[in-house]
Amino acid sequence: MKSLKEVCPDPKQVLQLEPEELGPHVLHCLADAKEPNIKRAIIAQYLSSHYEEDHQPELAHVIEEALGWLTAQCLLGASPYDQELIFLTRRGKRVASDYRSGSC
């Protein structure tokens, strides 16, 4: 999984983004994962872990909000075999393939 810090280096700017603005960046990071099913509980922790420690808790919360938005948009789904695992839906894969960096 790609680091969110690679895509959005400034943690203060990440904290300013609304879920629908941060969501595409998070989706881009998830699309780079080698494993198709990812445990939801570790995503926000992992994506925030590359930033300075004092920003990590707050970043994990905004990343979790973005995950909720991505799920509501049917870009992420829960695995039918284990509800704690999420995957990029077919729509999510199409949107991730059209990713353009910016706004971070």
Protein backbone atom coordinates (compact mmCIF):
# COMPACT_ATOMS: atom_id res chain seq x y z
CA MET A 1 0.00 0.00 0.00
CA LYS A 2 1.37 3.39 -0.97
CA SER A 3 2.04 5.88 1.82
CA LEU A 4 -0.41 8.77 2.04
CA LYS A 5 2.56 10.99 2.88
CA GLU A 6 3.96 10.31 -0.62
CA VAL A 7 0.76 11.72 -2.10
CA CYS A 8 -0.03 14.41 0.49
CA PRO A 9 3.20 15.39 2.27
CA ASP A 10 1.79 18.19 4.45
CA PRO A 11 -0.20 16.78 7.42
CA LYS A 12 -1.81 20.14 8.14
CA GLN A 13 -3.23 20.25 4.64
CA VAL A 14 -4.54 16.67 4.99
CA LEU A 15 -6.35 17.70 8.16
CA GLN A 16 -8.08 20.52 6.25
CA LEU A 17 -9.53 18.21 3.58
CA GLU A 18 -13.15 17.08 3.68
CA PRO A 19 -13.76 13.31 3.35
CA GLU A 20 -14.75 13.66 -0.31
CA GLU A 21 -11.51 15.57 -1.00
CA LEU A 22 -9.25 13.16 0.89
CA GLY A 23 -11.07 10.05 -0.34
CA PRO A 24 -9.51 9.93 -3.83
CA HIS A 25 -6.01 10.17 -2.31
CA VAL A 26 -6.77 7.35 0.13
CA LEU A 27 -8.26 5.27 -2.70
CA HIS A 28 -5.09 5.82 -4.73
CA CYS A 29 -3.00 4.51 -1.83
CA LEU A 30 -5.25 1.47 -1.37
CA ALA A 31 -5.17 0.67 -5.09
CA ASP A 32 -1.42 0.21 -4.78
CA ALA A 33 -1.81 -2.56 -2.16
CA LYS A 34 -0.47 -5.98 -3.08
CA GLU A 35 -3.19 -7.73 -1.08
CA PRO A 36 -6.71 -7.32 -2.56
CA ASN A 37 -8.39 -7.53 0.87
CA ILE A 38 -7.17 -5.21 3.60
CA LYS A 39 -8.18 -5.20 7.25
CA ARG A 40 -10.06 -1.94 7.75
CA ALA A 41 -8.75 -1.46 11.30
CA ILE A 42 -5.16 -1.08 10.09
CA ILE A 43 -5.70 1.23 7.11
CA ALA A 44 -5.99 4.54 8.99
CA GLN A 45 -3.17 3.56 11.34
CA TYR A 46 -0.89 2.61 8.47
CA LEU A 47 -1.67 5.65 6.30
CA SER A 48 -1.11 8.04 9.21
CA SER A 49 2.03 6.27 10.49
CA HIS A 50 4.41 7.96 8.04
CA TYR A 51 3.68 11.44 9.41
CA GLU A 52 5.14 13.01 12.54
CA GLU A 53 3.86 11.24 15.64
CA ASP A 54 2.02 14.25 17.08
CA HIS A 55 -0.24 14.41 13.96
CA GLN A 56 -0.97 10.67 13.70
CA PRO A 57 -4.08 10.37 15.93
CA GLU A 58 -5.89 13.26 14.26
CA LEU A 59 -4.84 12.07 10.79
CA ALA A 60 -6.12 8.57 11.53
CA HIS A 61 -9.54 10.07 12.29
CA VAL A 62 -9.77 12.05 9.04
CA ILE A 63 -8.57 9.02 7.08
CA GLU A 64 -11.29 6.94 8.73
CA GLU A 65 -13.85 9.58 7.68
CA ALA A 66 -12.55 9.32 4.11
CA LEU A 67 -12.90 5.52 4.26
CA GLY A 68 -16.52 5.98 5.30
CA TRP A 69 -17.10 8.30 2.37
CA LEU A 70 -15.43 5.86 -0.04
CA THR A 71 -17.67 3.06 1.25
CA ALA A 72 -20.79 5.23 0.89
CA GLN A 73 -19.79 5.92 -2.74
CA CYS A 74 -19.48 2.15 -3.39
CA LEU A 75 -15.77 2.52 -4.10
CA LEU A 76 -14.90 0.20 -1.20
CA GLY A 77 -16.81 -2.84 -0.04
CA ALA A 78 -16.70 -5.32 2.82
CA SER A 79 -15.53 -8.82 1.95
CA PRO A 80 -18.41 -11.30 1.86
CA TYR A 81 -16.15 -13.74 3.70
CA ASP A 82 -14.89 -11.48 6.49
CA GLN A 83 -16.63 -8.16 7.21
CA GLU A 84 -13.41 -6.74 8.70
CA LEU A 85 -11.70 -6.94 5.31
CA ILE A 86 -12.37 -4.35 2.64
CA PHE A 87 -11.65 -4.39 -1.05
CA LEU A 88 -11.77 -1.95 -3.95
CA THR A 89 -15.00 -2.49 -5.83
CA ARG A 90 -15.03 -2.60 -9.61
CA ARG A 91 -16.11 1.03 -9.55
CA GLY A 92 -13.36 1.81 -7.03
CA LYS A 93 -10.75 0.30 -9.33
CA ARG A 94 -11.99 2.40 -12.27
CA VAL A 95 -11.93 5.59 -10.19
CA ALA A 96 -8.49 4.76 -8.79
CA SER A 97 -7.13 4.23 -12.32
CA ASP A 98 -8.24 7.79 -13.21
CA TYR A 99 -6.44 9.33 -10.20
CA ARG A 100 -4.75 12.66 -10.73
CA SER A 101 -2.63 14.11 -7.96
CA GLY A 102 -3.44 17.57 -6.78
CA SER A 103 -5.23 19.40 -3.97
CA CYS A 104 -2.69 18.09 -1.47
